[in-house]
Each structure stands twice: as C-alpha cells, then as structure tokens.
C-alpha cells in the first residue's frame, strides 16, 4: 500500500534545520514508511491516530488519516514528548 505525505510548514522548517546526513536518513526512512509502513513506528499513548517514527535521536511525529501520513513535527527525542 502506498501512502501519501503531507508535511506541515513547521515540520518542513524543522527538517531543513537538520544536518544534511540526518535529513537524508529521515528521507530514506520516510520512503520506507510511505511504501510499506515499515520502520520503528510506535502509536503515541493517549493520542488517536498519532504515531512517531524513530530515526536515530530524532522523532518524526505524524497522524495517520487513511492512506495519508500527515507529518506535523521533526524533533530530537528529548524535545519530542512533552
């Protein structure tokens, strides 16, 4: 199943602020997620349809709406939850 991506402006800015190698790794993991929903994905507790994708020390936070992955934040682990 192929998923469609929507990336919020805030998440895009957070992504652009990261080093090139980290961006590349996140991009690779997002492609895997888009193609087959593979990766270190975990449903967030108490949050309906909200998930996180772990990429090293970074977390990609997203909502899943049917076949749409809506990315709303890209943060370091210590900043992602709270």
C-alpha atoms as a PDB file:
ATOM      1  CA  UNK A   1       0.000   0.000   0.000  1.00  0.00           C
ATOM      2  CA  UNK A   2       1.387   3.398  -0.970  1.00  0.00           C
ATOM      3  CA  UNK A   3       0.745   6.276   1.416  1.00  0.00           C
ATOM      4  CA  UNK A   4       0.585   9.958   0.523  1.00  0.00           C
ATOM      5  CA  UNK A   5       2.558  12.519   2.537  1.00  0.00           C
ATOM      6  CA  UNK A   6       1.502  15.897   3.814  1.00  0.00           C
ATOM      7  CA  UNK A   7       4.248  17.774   5.654  1.00  0.00           C
ATOM      8  CA  UNK A   8       3.324  20.838   7.720  1.00  0.00           C
ATOM      9  CA  UNK A   9       5.344  24.006   7.160  1.00  0.00           C
ATOM     10  CA  UNK A  10       6.645  23.824  10.743  1.00  0.00           C
ATOM     11  CA  UNK A  11       7.873  20.243  10.225  1.00  0.00           C
ATOM     12  CA  UNK A  12       9.496  21.245   6.941  1.00  0.00           C
ATOM     13  CA  UNK A  13      11.387  24.062   8.667  1.00  0.00           C
ATOM     14  CA  UNK A  14      12.489  21.686  11.439  1.00  0.00           C
ATOM     15  CA  UNK A  15      13.710  19.242   8.808  1.00  0.00           C
ATOM     16  CA  UNK A  16      15.625  21.923   6.898  1.00  0.00           C
ATOM     17  CA  UNK A  17      17.424  22.962  10.092  1.00  0.00           C
ATOM     18  CA  UNK A  18      18.963  19.491  10.492  1.00  0.00           C
ATOM     19  CA  UNK A  19      22.370  18.433   9.135  1.00  0.00           C
ATOM     20  CA  UNK A  20      22.350  17.014   5.614  1.00  0.00           C
ATOM     21  CA  UNK A  21      23.147  13.437   6.701  1.00  0.00           C
ATOM     22  CA  UNK A  22      20.296  13.423   9.238  1.00  0.00           C
ATOM     23  CA  UNK A  23      17.884  14.808   6.611  1.00  0.00           C
ATOM     24  CA  UNK A  24      18.968  12.109   4.175  1.00  0.00           C
ATOM     25  CA  UNK A  25      18.427   9.369   6.761  1.00  0.00           C
ATOM     26  CA  UNK A  26      14.983  10.725   7.677  1.00  0.00           C
ATOM     27  CA  UNK A  27      14.080  10.928   3.982  1.00  0.00           C
ATOM     28  CA  UNK A  28      15.094   7.303   3.470  1.00  0.00           C
ATOM     29  CA  UNK A  29      13.017   6.180   6.460  1.00  0.00           C
ATOM     30  CA  UNK A  30      10.019   8.201   5.266  1.00  0.00           C
ATOM     31  CA  UNK A  31      10.242   6.473   1.873  1.00  0.00           C
ATOM     32  CA  UNK A  32      10.153   3.076   3.625  1.00  0.00           C
ATOM     33  CA  UNK A  33       7.175   4.257   5.648  1.00  0.00           C
ATOM     34  CA  UNK A  34       5.411   5.514   2.532  1.00  0.00           C
ATOM     35  CA  UNK A  35       5.898   2.284   0.583  1.00  0.00           C
ATOM     36  CA  UNK A  36       5.084  -0.330   3.203  1.00  0.00           C
ATOM     37  CA  UNK A  37       4.620   1.342   6.597  1.00  0.00           C
ATOM     38  CA  UNK A  38       7.933  -0.172   7.750  1.00  0.00           C
ATOM     39  CA  UNK A  39      10.261   1.274  10.342  1.00  0.00           C
ATOM     40  CA  UNK A  40      10.467   1.880  14.061  1.00  0.00           C
ATOM     41  CA  UNK A  41       6.908   3.195  14.350  1.00  0.00           C
ATOM     42  CA  UNK A  42       5.007   3.412  17.610  1.00  0.00           C
ATOM     43  CA  UNK A  43       1.491   4.645  18.339  1.00  0.00           C
ATOM     44  CA  UNK A  44       1.569   7.517  20.822  1.00  0.00           C
ATOM     45  CA  UNK A  45      -0.252   6.846  24.072  1.00  0.00           C
ATOM     46  CA  UNK A  46      -3.497   8.715  24.565  1.00  0.00           C
ATOM     47  CA  UNK A  47      -3.350  10.194  21.077  1.00  0.00           C
ATOM     48  CA  UNK A  48      -5.820   8.989  18.488  1.00  0.00           C
ATOM     49  CA  UNK A  49      -4.171   8.196  15.129  1.00  0.00           C
ATOM     50  CA  UNK A  50      -0.855   9.790  16.201  1.00  0.00           C
ATOM     51  CA  UNK A  51       2.437   7.988  15.762  1.00  0.00           C
ATOM     52  CA  UNK A  52       6.154   8.527  15.897  1.00  0.00           C
ATOM     53  CA  UNK A  53       8.889   7.247  13.624  1.00  0.00           C
ATOM     54  CA  UNK A  54      12.254   6.855  15.357  1.00  0.00           C
ATOM     55  CA  UNK A  55      15.257   7.819  13.251  1.00  0.00           C
ATOM     56  CA  UNK A  56      18.330   7.730  15.489  1.00  0.00           C
ATOM     57  CA  UNK A  57      17.990  10.529  18.060  1.00  0.00           C
ATOM     58  CA  UNK A  58      15.190  12.167  16.094  1.00  0.00           C
ATOM     59  CA  UNK A  59      11.453  11.561  16.063  1.00  0.00           C
ATOM     60  CA  UNK A  60       9.128  12.202  13.146  1.00  0.00           C
ATOM     61  CA  UNK A  61       5.665  12.805  14.603  1.00  0.00           C
ATOM     62  CA  UNK A  62       2.692  12.168  12.342  1.00  0.00           C
ATOM     63  CA  UNK A  63      -1.025  11.472  12.121  1.00  0.00           C
ATOM     64  CA  UNK A  64      -2.378   8.652  10.009  1.00  0.00           C
ATOM     65  CA  UNK A  65      -5.593   9.524   8.178  1.00  0.00           C
ATOM     66  CA  UNK A  66      -6.465   6.548   5.989  1.00  0.00           C
ATOM     67  CA  UNK A  67      -3.754   6.461   3.308  1.00  0.00           C
ATOM     68  CA  UNK A  68      -2.376   9.891   4.258  1.00  0.00           C
ATOM     69  CA  UNK A  69       0.640  10.342   6.531  1.00  0.00           C
ATOM     70  CA  UNK A  70       0.442  13.875   7.925  1.00  0.00           C
ATOM     71  CA  UNK A  71       3.858  14.863   9.365  1.00  0.00           C
ATOM     72  CA  UNK A  72       3.500  17.657  11.919  1.00  0.00           C
ATOM     73  CA  UNK A  73       6.901  17.681  13.683  1.00  0.00           C
ATOM     74  CA  UNK A  74      10.524  16.536  13.348  1.00  0.00           C
ATOM     75  CA  UNK A  75      12.352  16.855  16.660  1.00  0.00           C
ATOM     76  CA  UNK A  76      15.153  15.441  18.743  1.00  0.00           C
ATOM     77  CA  UNK A  77      13.986  12.766  21.153  1.00  0.00           C
ATOM     78  CA  UNK A  78      14.380  14.953  24.242  1.00  0.00           C
ATOM     79  CA  UNK A  79      12.141  17.642  22.692  1.00  0.00           C
ATOM     80  CA  UNK A  80       9.566  15.399  21.020  1.00  0.00           C
ATOM     81  CA  UNK A  81       7.492  14.391  24.015  1.00  0.00           C
ATOM     82  CA  UNK A  82       6.123  16.917  26.397  1.00  0.00           C
END
